[in-house]
Amino acid sequence: MFREFCAAALLAAVPLSAVFAAEAKPVVVTIHDNSFTPAVLTVPKGTAVSWVNRDDYLHSVLDEGGQIESPSLEAGETFSWTFGEAGSFIYHCGVHGSMTGRIDVTP
């Protein structure tokens, strides 16, 4: 009985937002066959997005607003960015300008 009381007291002391934050899954955009997958993504503010290069040649991630700028990513390398503000972020590959994507960030 004492153990159940302590567990309930501990859970009551933890903010519910912390419980859900711990369950957040990583968001990954795969770079493969000269494309970003998914090409359009919607995430809440504060989400970290990682781009993983699955091609055998260089790619990069550059947004049109000039905030996001990855180094050139070799095969298997990853770049991550945490979106701290709401809005729509259109990006492209700095090596292959026809490769485009968009991240919509909700408040």
PDB file of N, CA and C in Angstrom:
ATOM      1  N   MET A   1       0.829  -1.192   0.000  1.00  0.00           N
ATOM      2  CA  MET A   1       0.000   0.000   0.000  1.00  0.00           C
ATOM      3  C   MET A   1       0.870   1.251   0.000  1.00  0.00           C
ATOM      4  N   PHE A   2       1.918   1.242   0.814  1.00  0.00           N
ATOM      5  CA  PHE A   2       2.794   2.404   0.875  1.00  0.00           C
ATOM      6  C   PHE A   2       3.469   2.633  -0.480  1.00  0.00           C
ATOM      7  N   ARG A   3       3.856   1.558  -1.161  1.00  0.00           N
ATOM      8  CA  ARG A   3       4.520   1.668  -2.463  1.00  0.00           C
ATOM      9  C   ARG A   3       3.570   2.315  -3.478  1.00  0.00           C
ATOM     10  N   GLU A   4       2.301   1.903  -3.506  1.00  0.00           N
ATOM     11  CA  GLU A   4       1.331   2.478  -4.432  1.00  0.00           C
ATOM     12  C   GLU A   4       1.105   3.952  -4.132  1.00  0.00           C
ATOM     13  N   PHE A   5       1.077   4.311  -2.844  1.00  0.00           N
ATOM     14  CA  PHE A   5       0.909   5.710  -2.461  1.00  0.00           C
ATOM     15  C   PHE A   5       2.089   6.540  -2.950  1.00  0.00           C
ATOM     16  N   CYS A   6       3.301   6.044  -2.786  1.00  0.00           N
ATOM     17  CA  CYS A   6       4.502   6.776  -3.232  1.00  0.00           C
ATOM     18  C   CYS A   6       4.509   6.937  -4.749  1.00  0.00           C
ATOM     19  N   ALA A   7       4.132   5.895  -5.472  1.00  0.00           N
ATOM     20  CA  ALA A   7       4.096   5.970  -6.938  1.00  0.00           C
ATOM     21  C   ALA A   7       3.068   6.995  -7.389  1.00  0.00           C
ATOM     22  N   ALA A   8       1.900   6.995  -6.761  1.00  0.00           N
ATOM     23  CA  ALA A   8       0.862   7.961  -7.122  1.00  0.00           C
ATOM     24  C   ALA A   8       1.309   9.387  -6.797  1.00  0.00           C
ATOM     25  N   ALA A   9       1.963   9.580  -5.658  1.00  0.00           N
ATOM     26  CA  ALA A   9       2.450  10.906  -5.286  1.00  0.00           C
ATOM     27  C   ALA A   9       3.519  11.386  -6.261  1.00  0.00           C
ATOM     28  N   LEU A  10       4.383  10.500  -6.681  1.00  0.00           N
ATOM     29  CA  LEU A  10       5.429  10.865  -7.625  1.00  0.00           C
ATOM     30  C   LEU A  10       4.841  11.264  -8.970  1.00  0.00           C
ATOM     31  N   LEU A  11       3.872  10.496  -9.464  1.00  0.00           N
ATOM     32  CA  LEU A  11       3.234  10.831 -10.731  1.00  0.00           C
ATOM     33  C   LEU A  11       2.492  12.146 -10.657  1.00  0.00           C
ATOM     34  N   ALA A  12       1.868  12.428  -9.539  1.00  0.00           N
ATOM     35  CA  ALA A  12       1.142  13.683  -9.380  1.00  0.00           C
ATOM     36  C   ALA A  12       2.097  14.872  -9.385  1.00  0.00           C
ATOM     37  N   ALA A  13       3.341  14.674  -8.981  1.00  0.00           N
ATOM     38  CA  ALA A  13       4.310  15.771  -8.913  1.00  0.00           C
ATOM     39  C   ALA A  13       4.957  16.064 -10.260  1.00  0.00           C
ATOM     40  N   VAL A  14       4.854  15.152 -11.219  1.00  0.00           N
ATOM     41  CA  VAL A  14       5.468  15.344 -12.531  1.00  0.00           C
ATOM     42  C   VAL A  14       4.470  16.031 -13.448  1.00  0.00           C
ATOM     43  N   PRO A  15       4.848  17.176 -14.046  1.00  0.00           N
ATOM     44  CA  PRO A  15       3.927  17.847 -14.968  1.00  0.00           C
ATOM     45  C   PRO A  15       3.598  16.939 -16.146  1.00  0.00           C
ATOM     46  N   LEU A  16       2.339  16.971 -16.557  1.00  0.00           N
ATOM     47  CA  LEU A  16       1.891  16.135 -17.654  1.00  0.00           C
ATOM     48  C   LEU A  16       2.673  16.435 -18.937  1.00  0.00           C
ATOM     49  N   SER A  17       3.054  17.701 -19.158  1.00  0.00           N
ATOM     50  CA  SER A  17       3.816  18.055 -20.362  1.00  0.00           C
ATOM     51  C   SER A  17       5.166  17.342 -20.385  1.00  0.00           C
ATOM     52  N   ALA A  18       5.761  17.105 -19.229  1.00  0.00           N
ATOM     53  CA  ALA A  18       7.047  16.403 -19.174  1.00  0.00           C
ATOM     54  C   ALA A  18       6.875  14.944 -19.551  1.00  0.00           C
ATOM     55  N   VAL A  19       5.742  14.357 -19.190  1.00  0.00           N
ATOM     56  CA  VAL A  19       5.481  12.971 -19.539  1.00  0.00           C
ATOM     57  C   VAL A  19       5.364  12.830 -21.047  1.00  0.00           C
ATOM     58  N   PHE A  20       4.604  13.748 -21.697  1.00  0.00           N
ATOM     59  CA  PHE A  20       4.435  13.682 -23.142  1.00  0.00           C
ATOM     60  C   PHE A  20       5.718  14.057 -23.866  1.00  0.00           C
ATOM     61  N   ALA A  21       6.497  14.990 -23.344  1.00  0.00           N
ATOM     62  CA  ALA A  21       7.757  15.378 -23.983  1.00  0.00           C
ATOM     63  C   ALA A  21       8.715  14.196 -24.034  1.00  0.00           C
ATOM     64  N   ALA A  22       8.686  13.372 -23.008  1.00  0.00           N
ATOM     65  CA  ALA A  22       9.577  12.220 -22.977  1.00  0.00           C
ATOM     66  C   ALA A  22       9.187  11.192 -24.037  1.00  0.00           C
ATOM     67  N   GLU A  23       7.923  11.216 -24.478  1.00  0.00           N
ATOM     68  CA  GLU A  23       7.455  10.264 -25.461  1.00  0.00           C
ATOM     69  C   GLU A  23       7.634  10.755 -26.896  1.00  0.00           C
ATOM     70  N   ALA A  24       8.097  11.990 -27.100  1.00  0.00           N
ATOM     71  CA  ALA A  24       8.252  12.532 -28.447  1.00  0.00           C
ATOM     72  C   ALA A  24       9.245  11.685 -29.223  1.00  0.00           C
ATOM     73  N   LYS A  25       8.874  11.371 -30.444  1.00  0.00           N
ATOM     74  CA  LYS A  25       9.735  10.560 -31.298  1.00  0.00           C
ATOM     75  C   LYS A  25      10.563  11.474 -32.190  1.00  0.00           C
ATOM     76  N   PRO A  26      11.768  11.048 -32.516  1.00  0.00           N
ATOM     77  CA  PRO A  26      12.579  11.854 -33.422  1.00  0.00           C
ATOM     78  C   PRO A  26      11.915  11.944 -34.795  1.00  0.00           C
ATOM     79  N   VAL A  27      12.084  13.082 -35.433  1.00  0.00           N
ATOM     80  CA  VAL A  27      11.532  13.292 -36.763  1.00  0.00           C
ATOM     81  C   VAL A  27      12.692  13.269 -37.745  1.00  0.00           C
ATOM     82  N   VAL A  28      12.606  12.395 -38.744  1.00  0.00           N
ATOM     83  CA  VAL A  28      13.705  12.209 -39.681  1.00  0.00           C
ATOM     84  C   VAL A  28      13.224  12.452 -41.103  1.00  0.00           C
ATOM     85  N   VAL A  29      14.014  13.216 -41.853  1.00  0.00           N
ATOM     86  CA  VAL A  29      13.817  13.377 -43.283  1.00  0.00           C
ATOM     87  C   VAL A  29      14.965  12.627 -43.949  1.00  0.00           C
ATOM     88  N   THR A  30      14.615  11.699 -44.830  1.00  0.00           N
ATOM     89  CA  THR A  30      15.622  10.913 -45.526  1.00  0.00           C
ATOM     90  C   THR A  30      15.960  11.574 -46.862  1.00  0.00           C
ATOM     91  N   ILE A  31      17.248  11.688 -47.140  1.00  0.00           N
ATOM     92  CA  ILE A  31      17.715  12.189 -48.425  1.00  0.00           C
ATOM     93  C   ILE A  31      18.127  10.963 -49.237  1.00  0.00           C
ATOM     94  N   HIS A  32      17.385  10.713 -50.323  1.00  0.00           N
ATOM     95  CA  HIS A  32      17.657   9.522 -51.130  1.00  0.00           C
ATOM     96  C   HIS A  32      17.108   9.732 -52.537  1.00  0.00           C
ATOM     97  N   ASP A  33      17.854   9.258 -53.538  1.00  0.00           N
ATOM     98  CA  ASP A  33      17.454   9.404 -54.943  1.00  0.00           C
ATOM     99  C   ASP A  33      17.169  10.864 -55.297  1.00  0.00           C
ATOM    100  N   ASN A  34      18.026  11.746 -54.820  1.00  0.00           N
ATOM    101  CA  ASN A  34      17.901  13.187 -55.091  1.00  0.00           C
ATOM    102  C   ASN A  34      16.549  13.760 -54.685  1.00  0.00           C
ATOM    103  N   SER A  35      16.056  13.332 -53.523  1.00  0.00           N
ATOM    104  CA  SER A  35      14.809  13.890 -52.998  1.00  0.00           C
ATOM    105  C   SER A  35      14.814  13.834 -51.475  1.00  0.00           C
ATOM    106  N   PHE A  36      13.963  14.674 -50.890  1.00  0.00           N
ATOM    107  CA  PHE A  36      13.737  14.684 -49.444  1.00  0.00           C
ATOM    108  C   PHE A  36      12.439  13.929 -49.180  1.00  0.00           C
ATOM    109  N   THR A  37      12.474  12.967 -48.249  1.00  0.00           N
ATOM    110  CA  THR A  37      11.283  12.191 -47.922  1.00  0.00           C
ATOM    111  C   THR A  37      11.066  12.183 -46.422  1.00  0.00           C
ATOM    112  N   PRO A  38       9.934  12.702 -45.937  1.00  0.00           N
ATOM    113  CA  PRO A  38       8.862  13.311 -46.707  1.00  0.00           C
ATOM    114  C   PRO A  38       9.258  14.702 -47.215  1.00  0.00           C
ATOM    115  N   ALA A  39       8.670  15.096 -48.332  1.00  0.00           N
ATOM    116  CA  ALA A  39       8.975  16.403 -48.918  1.00  0.00           C
ATOM    117  C   ALA A  39       8.288  17.524 -48.145  1.00  0.00           C
ATOM    118  N   VAL A  40       7.141  17.232 -47.556  1.00  0.00           N
ATOM    119  CA  VAL A  40       6.398  18.197 -46.744  1.00  0.00           C
ATOM    120  C   VAL A  40       6.127  17.537 -45.404  1.00  0.00           C
ATOM    121  N   LEU A  41       6.408  18.294 -44.345  1.00  0.00           N
ATOM    122  CA  LEU A  41       6.301  17.755 -42.989  1.00  0.00           C
ATOM    123  C   LEU A  41       5.702  18.819 -42.089  1.00  0.00           C
ATOM    124  N   THR A  42       4.797  18.431 -41.197  1.00  0.00           N
ATOM    125  CA  THR A  42       4.227  19.346 -40.210  1.00  0.00           C
ATOM    126  C   THR A  42       4.637  18.865 -38.823  1.00  0.00           C
ATOM    127  N   VAL A  43       5.234  19.778 -38.041  1.00  0.00           N
ATOM    128  CA  VAL A  43       5.705  19.444 -36.696  1.00  0.00           C
ATOM    129  C   VAL A  43       5.338  20.576 -35.741  1.00  0.00           C
ATOM    130  N   PRO A  44       5.203  20.281 -34.446  1.00  0.00           N
ATOM    131  CA  PRO A  44       4.977  21.352 -33.476  1.00  0.00           C
ATOM    132  C   PRO A  44       6.276  22.106 -33.171  1.00  0.00           C
ATOM    133  N   LYS A  45       6.126  23.351 -32.774  1.00  0.00           N
ATOM    134  CA  LYS A  45       7.265  24.175 -32.365  1.00  0.00           C
ATOM    135  C   LYS A  45       8.074  23.441 -31.304  1.00  0.00           C
ATOM    136  N   GLY A  46       9.404  23.521 -31.413  1.00  0.00           N
ATOM    137  CA  GLY A  46      10.285  22.858 -30.471  1.00  0.00           C
ATOM    138  C   GLY A  46      10.756  21.484 -30.926  1.00  0.00           C
ATOM    139  N   THR A  47      10.286  21.043 -32.095  1.00  0.00           N
ATOM    140  CA  THR A  47      10.662  19.726 -32.613  1.00  0.00           C
ATOM    141  C   THR A  47      12.025  19.780 -33.288  1.00  0.00           C
ATOM    142  N   ALA A  48      12.843  18.772 -33.030  1.00  0.00           N
ATOM    143  CA  ALA A  48      14.113  18.615 -33.733  1.00  0.00           C
ATOM    144  C   ALA A  48      13.883  17.717 -34.938  1.00  0.00           C
ATOM    145  N   VAL A  49      14.319  18.185 -36.095  1.00  0.00           N
ATOM    146  CA  VAL A  49      14.226  17.407 -37.329  1.00  0.00           C
ATOM    147  C   VAL A  49      15.648  17.061 -37.748  1.00  0.00           C
ATOM    148  N   SER A  50      15.862  15.807 -38.123  1.00  0.00           N
ATOM    149  CA  SER A  50      17.164  15.361 -38.613  1.00  0.00           C
ATOM    150  C   SER A  50      17.043  14.950 -40.072  1.00  0.00           C
ATOM    151  N   TRP A  51      17.994  15.388 -40.884  1.00  0.00           N
ATOM    152  CA  TRP A  51      18.104  14.974 -42.269  1.00  0.00           C
ATOM    153  C   TRP A  51      19.233  13.963 -42.345  1.00  0.00           C
ATOM    154  N   VAL A  52      18.993  12.808 -42.968  1.00  0.00           N
ATOM    155  CA  VAL A  52      19.992  11.754 -43.093  1.00  0.00           C
ATOM    156  C   VAL A  52      20.252  11.505 -44.576  1.00  0.00           C
ATOM    157  N   ASN A  53      21.518  11.630 -44.983  1.00  0.00           N
ATOM    158  CA  ASN A  53      21.880  11.404 -46.373  1.00  0.00           C
ATOM    159  C   ASN A  53      22.054   9.909 -46.637  1.00  0.00           C
ATOM    160  N   ARG A  54      21.172   9.338 -47.445  1.00  0.00           N
ATOM    161  CA  ARG A  54      21.240   7.924 -47.810  1.00  0.00           C
ATOM    162  C   ARG A  54      21.754   7.737 -49.243  1.00  0.00           C
ATOM    163  N   ASP A  55      22.187   8.840 -49.883  1.00  0.00           N
ATOM    164  CA  ASP A  55      22.787   8.736 -51.211  1.00  0.00           C
ATOM    165  C   ASP A  55      24.292   8.579 -51.078  1.00  0.00           C
ATOM    166  N   ASP A  56      24.936   8.232 -52.168  1.00  0.00           N
ATOM    167  CA  ASP A  56      26.389   8.045 -52.160  1.00  0.00           C
ATOM    168  C   ASP A  56      27.139   9.310 -52.561  1.00  0.00           C
ATOM    169  N   TYR A  57      26.470  10.439 -52.582  1.00  0.00           N
ATOM    170  CA  TYR A  57      27.107  11.696 -52.942  1.00  0.00           C
ATOM    171  C   TYR A  57      26.607  12.806 -52.026  1.00  0.00           C
ATOM    172  N   LEU A  58      27.262  13.955 -52.087  1.00  0.00           N
ATOM    173  CA  LEU A  58      26.994  15.068 -51.174  1.00  0.00           C
ATOM    174  C   LEU A  58      25.617  15.684 -51.381  1.00  0.00           C
ATOM    175  N   HIS A  59      25.032  16.096 -50.254  1.00  0.00           N
ATOM    176  CA  HIS A  59      23.804  16.896 -50.228  1.00  0.00           C
ATOM    177  C   HIS A  59      23.944  17.883 -49.074  1.00  0.00           C
ATOM    178  N   SER A  60      23.083  18.903 -49.062  1.00  0.00           N
ATOM    179  CA  SER A  60      23.033  19.824 -47.932  1.00  0.00           C
ATOM    180  C   SER A  60      21.597  20.304 -47.756  1.00  0.00           C
ATOM    181  N   VAL A  61      21.361  21.041 -46.688  1.00  0.00           N
ATOM    182  CA  VAL A  61      20.033  21.567 -46.378  1.00  0.00           C
ATOM    183  C   VAL A  61      20.178  23.066 -46.148  1.00  0.00           C
ATOM    184  N   LEU A  62      19.476  23.866 -46.971  1.00  0.00           N
ATOM    185  CA  LEU A  62      19.500  25.325 -46.851  1.00  0.00           C
ATOM    186  C   LEU A  62      18.070  25.834 -46.948  1.00  0.00           C
ATOM    187  N   ASP A  63      17.641  26.658 -45.978  1.00  0.00           N
ATOM    188  CA  ASP A  63      16.294  27.208 -46.081  1.00  0.00           C
ATOM    189  C   ASP A  63      16.341  28.566 -46.762  1.00  0.00           C
ATOM    190  N   GLU A  64      15.215  28.953 -47.343  1.00  0.00           N
ATOM    191  CA  GLU A  64      15.148  30.206 -48.084  1.00  0.00           C
ATOM    192  C   GLU A  64      15.279  31.428 -47.185  1.00  0.00           C
ATOM    193  N   GLY A  65      14.979  31.281 -45.898  1.00  0.00           N
ATOM    194  CA  GLY A  65      15.076  32.400 -44.962  1.00  0.00           C
ATOM    195  C   GLY A  65      16.483  32.630 -44.436  1.00  0.00           C
ATOM    196  N   GLY A  66      17.403  31.743 -44.744  1.00  0.00           N
ATOM    197  CA  GLY A  66      18.785  31.906 -44.325  1.00  0.00           C
ATOM    198  C   GLY A  66      19.088  31.489 -42.901  1.00  0.00           C
ATOM    199  N   GLN A  67      18.162  30.825 -42.229  1.00  0.00           N
ATOM    200  CA  GLN A  67      18.407  30.382 -40.853  1.00  0.00           C
ATOM    201  C   GLN A  67      19.088  29.020 -40.807  1.00  0.00           C
ATOM    202  N   ILE A  68      18.644  28.109 -41.661  1.00  0.00           N
ATOM    203  CA  ILE A  68      19.136  26.739 -41.635  1.00  0.00           C
ATOM    204  C   ILE A  68      20.188  26.581 -42.725  1.00  0.00           C
ATOM    205  N   GLU A  69      21.367  26.129 -42.331  1.00  0.00           N
ATOM    206  CA  GLU A  69      22.426  25.883 -43.302  1.00  0.00           C
ATOM    207  C   GLU A  69      23.308  24.746 -42.800  1.00  0.00           C
ATOM    208  N   SER A  70      23.123  23.599 -43.397  1.00  0.00           N
ATOM    209  CA  SER A  70      23.925  22.443 -42.999  1.00  0.00           C
ATOM    210  C   SER A  70      25.251  22.465 -43.741  1.00  0.00           C
ATOM    211  N   PRO A  71      26.227  21.761 -43.209  1.00  0.00           N
ATOM    212  CA  PRO A  71      27.433  21.518 -44.017  1.00  0.00           C
ATOM    213  C   PRO A  71      27.074  20.502 -45.105  1.00  0.00           C
ATOM    214  N   SER A  72      27.964  20.288 -46.044  1.00  0.00           N
ATOM    215  CA  SER A  72      27.754  19.222 -47.022  1.00  0.00           C
ATOM    216  C   SER A  72      27.764  17.892 -46.287  1.00  0.00           C
ATOM    217  N   LEU A  73      26.741  17.092 -46.538  1.00  0.00           N
ATOM    218  CA  LEU A  73      26.581  15.806 -45.854  1.00  0.00           C
ATOM    219  C   LEU A  73      27.027  14.683 -46.773  1.00  0.00           C
ATOM    220  N   GLU A  74      27.989  13.906 -46.318  1.00  0.00           N
ATOM    221  CA  GLU A  74      28.411  12.726 -47.060  1.00  0.00           C
ATOM    222  C   GLU A  74      27.450  11.581 -46.760  1.00  0.00           C
ATOM    223  N   ALA A  75      27.592  10.492 -47.492  1.00  0.00           N
ATOM    224  CA  ALA A  75      26.733   9.328 -47.297  1.00  0.00           C
ATOM    225  C   ALA A  75      26.726   8.907 -45.829  1.00  0.00           C
ATOM    226  N   GLY A  76      25.524   8.756 -45.262  1.00  0.00           N
ATOM    227  CA  GLY A  76      25.373   8.320 -43.882  1.00  0.00           C
ATOM    228  C   GLY A  76      25.411   9.424 -42.846  1.00  0.00           C
ATOM    229  N   GLU A  77      25.785  10.643 -43.237  1.00  0.00           N
ATOM    230  CA  GLU A  77      25.860  11.738 -42.263  1.00  0.00           C
ATOM    231  C   GLU A  77      24.487  12.349 -42.017  1.00  0.00           C
ATOM    232  N   THR A  78      24.355  12.971 -40.841  1.00  0.00           N
ATOM    233  CA  THR A  78      23.096  13.546 -40.384  1.00  0.00           C
ATOM    234  C   THR A  78      23.288  14.994 -39.979  1.00  0.00           C
ATOM    235  N   PHE A  79      22.258  15.803 -40.237  1.00  0.00           N
ATOM    236  CA  PHE A  79      22.207  17.189 -39.774  1.00  0.00           C
ATOM    237  C   PHE A  79      20.880  17.382 -39.060  1.00  0.00           C
ATOM    238  N   SER A  80      20.891  18.043 -37.898  1.00  0.00           N
ATOM    239  CA  SER A  80      19.661  18.268 -37.128  1.00  0.00           C
ATOM    240  C   SER A  80      19.449  19.751 -36.881  1.00  0.00           C
ATOM    241  N   TRP A  81      18.166  20.124 -36.822  1.00  0.00           N
ATOM    242  CA  TRP A  81      17.772  21.502 -36.541  1.00  0.00           C
ATOM    243  C   TRP A  81      16.520  21.469 -35.685  1.00  0.00           C
ATOM    244  N   THR A  82      16.501  22.274 -34.612  1.00  0.00           N
ATOM    245  CA  THR A  82      15.317  22.387 -33.768  1.00  0.00           C
ATOM    246  C   THR A  82      14.552  23.636 -34.171  1.00  0.00           C
ATOM    247  N   PHE A  83      13.290  23.470 -34.488  1.00  0.00           N
ATOM    248  CA  PHE A  83      12.446  24.575 -34.941  1.00  0.00           C
ATOM    249  C   PHE A  83      11.832  25.269 -33.724  1.00  0.00           C
ATOM    250  N   GLY A  84      12.338  26.455 -33.413  1.00  0.00           N
ATOM    251  CA  GLY A  84      11.925  27.190 -32.224  1.00  0.00           C
ATOM    252  C   GLY A  84      10.809  28.187 -32.447  1.00  0.00           C
ATOM    253  N   GLU A  85      10.385  28.360 -33.696  1.00  0.00           N
ATOM    254  CA  GLU A  85       9.294  29.291 -33.966  1.00  0.00           C
ATOM    255  C   GLU A  85       8.363  28.699 -35.010  1.00  0.00           C
ATOM    256  N   ALA A  86       7.105  29.121 -34.936  1.00  0.00           N
ATOM    257  CA  ALA A  86       6.111  28.628 -35.888  1.00  0.00           C
ATOM    258  C   ALA A  86       6.316  29.303 -37.243  1.00  0.00           C
ATOM    259  N   GLY A  87       5.894  28.623 -38.278  1.00  0.00           N
ATOM    260  CA  GLY A  87       5.986  29.177 -39.623  1.00  0.00           C
ATOM    261  C   GLY A  87       6.213  28.075 -40.633  1.00  0.00           C
ATOM    262  N   SER A  88       6.406  28.490 -41.874  1.00  0.00           N
ATOM    263  CA  SER A  88       6.651  27.560 -42.960  1.00  0.00           C
ATOM    264  C   SER A  88       8.086  27.766 -43.430  1.00  0.00           C
ATOM    265  N   PHE A  89       8.857  26.707 -43.442  1.00  0.00           N
ATOM    266  CA  PHE A  89      10.276  26.772 -43.802  1.00  0.00           C
ATOM    267  C   PHE A  89      10.492  25.970 -45.083  1.00  0.00           C
ATOM    268  N   ILE A  90      10.739  26.678 -46.170  1.00  0.00           N
ATOM    269  CA  ILE A  90      11.012  26.049 -47.451  1.00  0.00           C
ATOM    270  C   ILE A  90      12.516  25.899 -47.578  1.00  0.00           C
ATOM    271  N   TYR A  91      12.964  24.712 -47.956  1.00  0.00           N
ATOM    272  CA  TYR A  91      14.403  24.467 -48.033  1.00  0.00           C
ATOM    273  C   TYR A  91      14.746  23.719 -49.313  1.00  0.00           C
ATOM    274  N   HIS A  92      16.032  23.676 -49.613  1.00  0.00           N
ATOM    275  CA  HIS A  92      16.523  22.970 -50.792  1.00  0.00           C
ATOM    276  C   HIS A  92      17.917  22.427 -50.511  1.00  0.00           C
ATOM    277  N   CYS A  93      18.403  21.609 -51.418  1.00  0.00           N
ATOM    278  CA  CYS A  93      19.771  21.102 -51.337  1.00  0.00           C
ATOM    279  C   CYS A  93      20.677  22.137 -51.989  1.00  0.00           C
ATOM    280  N   GLY A  94      21.741  22.513 -51.296  1.00  0.00           N
ATOM    281  CA  GLY A  94      22.677  23.489 -51.823  1.00  0.00           C
ATOM    282  C   GLY A  94      23.494  22.960 -52.984  1.00  0.00           C
ATOM    283  N   VAL A  95      23.562  21.649 -53.129  1.00  0.00           N
ATOM    284  CA  VAL A  95      24.318  21.024 -54.218  1.00  0.00           C
ATOM    285  C   VAL A  95      23.412  20.773 -55.419  1.00  0.00           C
ATOM    286  N   HIS A  96      22.162  20.409 -55.152  1.00  0.00           N
ATOM    287  CA  HIS A  96      21.190  20.082 -56.199  1.00  0.00           C
ATOM    288  C   HIS A  96      19.951  20.945 -55.964  1.00  0.00           C
ATOM    289  N   GLY A  97      19.917  22.111 -56.591  1.00  0.00           N
ATOM    290  CA  GLY A  97      18.858  23.100 -56.346  1.00  0.00           C
ATOM    291  C   GLY A  97      17.451  22.633 -56.646  1.00  0.00           C
ATOM    292  N   SER A  98      17.301  21.588 -57.461  1.00  0.00           N
ATOM    293  CA  SER A  98      15.956  21.110 -57.782  1.00  0.00           C
ATOM    294  C   SER A  98      15.354  20.277 -56.649  1.00  0.00           C
ATOM    295  N   MET A  99      16.174  19.880 -55.688  1.00  0.00           N
ATOM    296  CA  MET A  99      15.678  19.130 -54.526  1.00  0.00           C
ATOM    297  C   MET A  99      15.095  20.125 -53.515  1.00  0.00           C
ATOM    298  N   THR A 100      13.798  20.029 -53.249  1.00  0.00           N
ATOM    299  CA  THR A 100      13.171  20.964 -52.333  1.00  0.00           C
ATOM    300  C   THR A 100      12.317  20.233 -51.305  1.00  0.00           C
ATOM    301  N   GLY A 101      12.040  20.929 -50.212  1.00  0.00           N
ATOM    302  CA  GLY A 101      11.173  20.402 -49.171  1.00  0.00           C
ATOM    303  C   GLY A 101      10.584  21.540 -48.364  1.00  0.00           C
ATOM    304  N   ARG A 102       9.642  21.221 -47.490  1.00  0.00           N
ATOM    305  CA  ARG A 102       9.020  22.242 -46.641  1.00  0.00           C
ATOM    306  C   ARG A 102       8.690  21.640 -45.286  1.00  0.00           C
ATOM    307  N   ILE A 103       8.986  22.422 -44.253  1.00  0.00           N
ATOM    308  CA  ILE A 103       8.603  22.066 -42.882  1.00  0.00           C
ATOM    309  C   ILE A 103       7.614  23.116 -42.407  1.00  0.00           C
ATOM    310  N   ASP A 104       6.399  22.702 -42.069  1.00  0.00           N
ATOM    311  CA  ASP A 104       5.400  23.594 -41.487  1.00  0.00           C
ATOM    312  C   ASP A 104       5.427  23.374 -39.980  1.00  0.00           C
ATOM    313  N   VAL A 105       5.705  24.445 -39.251  1.00  0.00           N
ATOM    314  CA  VAL A 105       5.842  24.374 -37.792  1.00  0.00           C
ATOM    315  C   VAL A 105       4.627  25.048 -37.157  1.00  0.00           C
ATOM    316  N   THR A 106       3.886  24.284 -36.353  1.00  0.00           N
ATOM    317  CA  THR A 106       2.702  24.804 -35.684  1.00  0.00           C
ATOM    318  C   THR A 106       3.078  25.364 -34.305  1.00  0.00           C
ATOM    319  N   PRO A 107       2.275  26.316 -33.800  1.00  0.00           N
ATOM    320  CA  PRO A 107       2.578  26.908 -32.476  1.00  0.00           C
ATOM    321  C   PRO A 107       2.508  25.912 -31.340  1.00  0.00           C
TER     322      PRO A 107
END
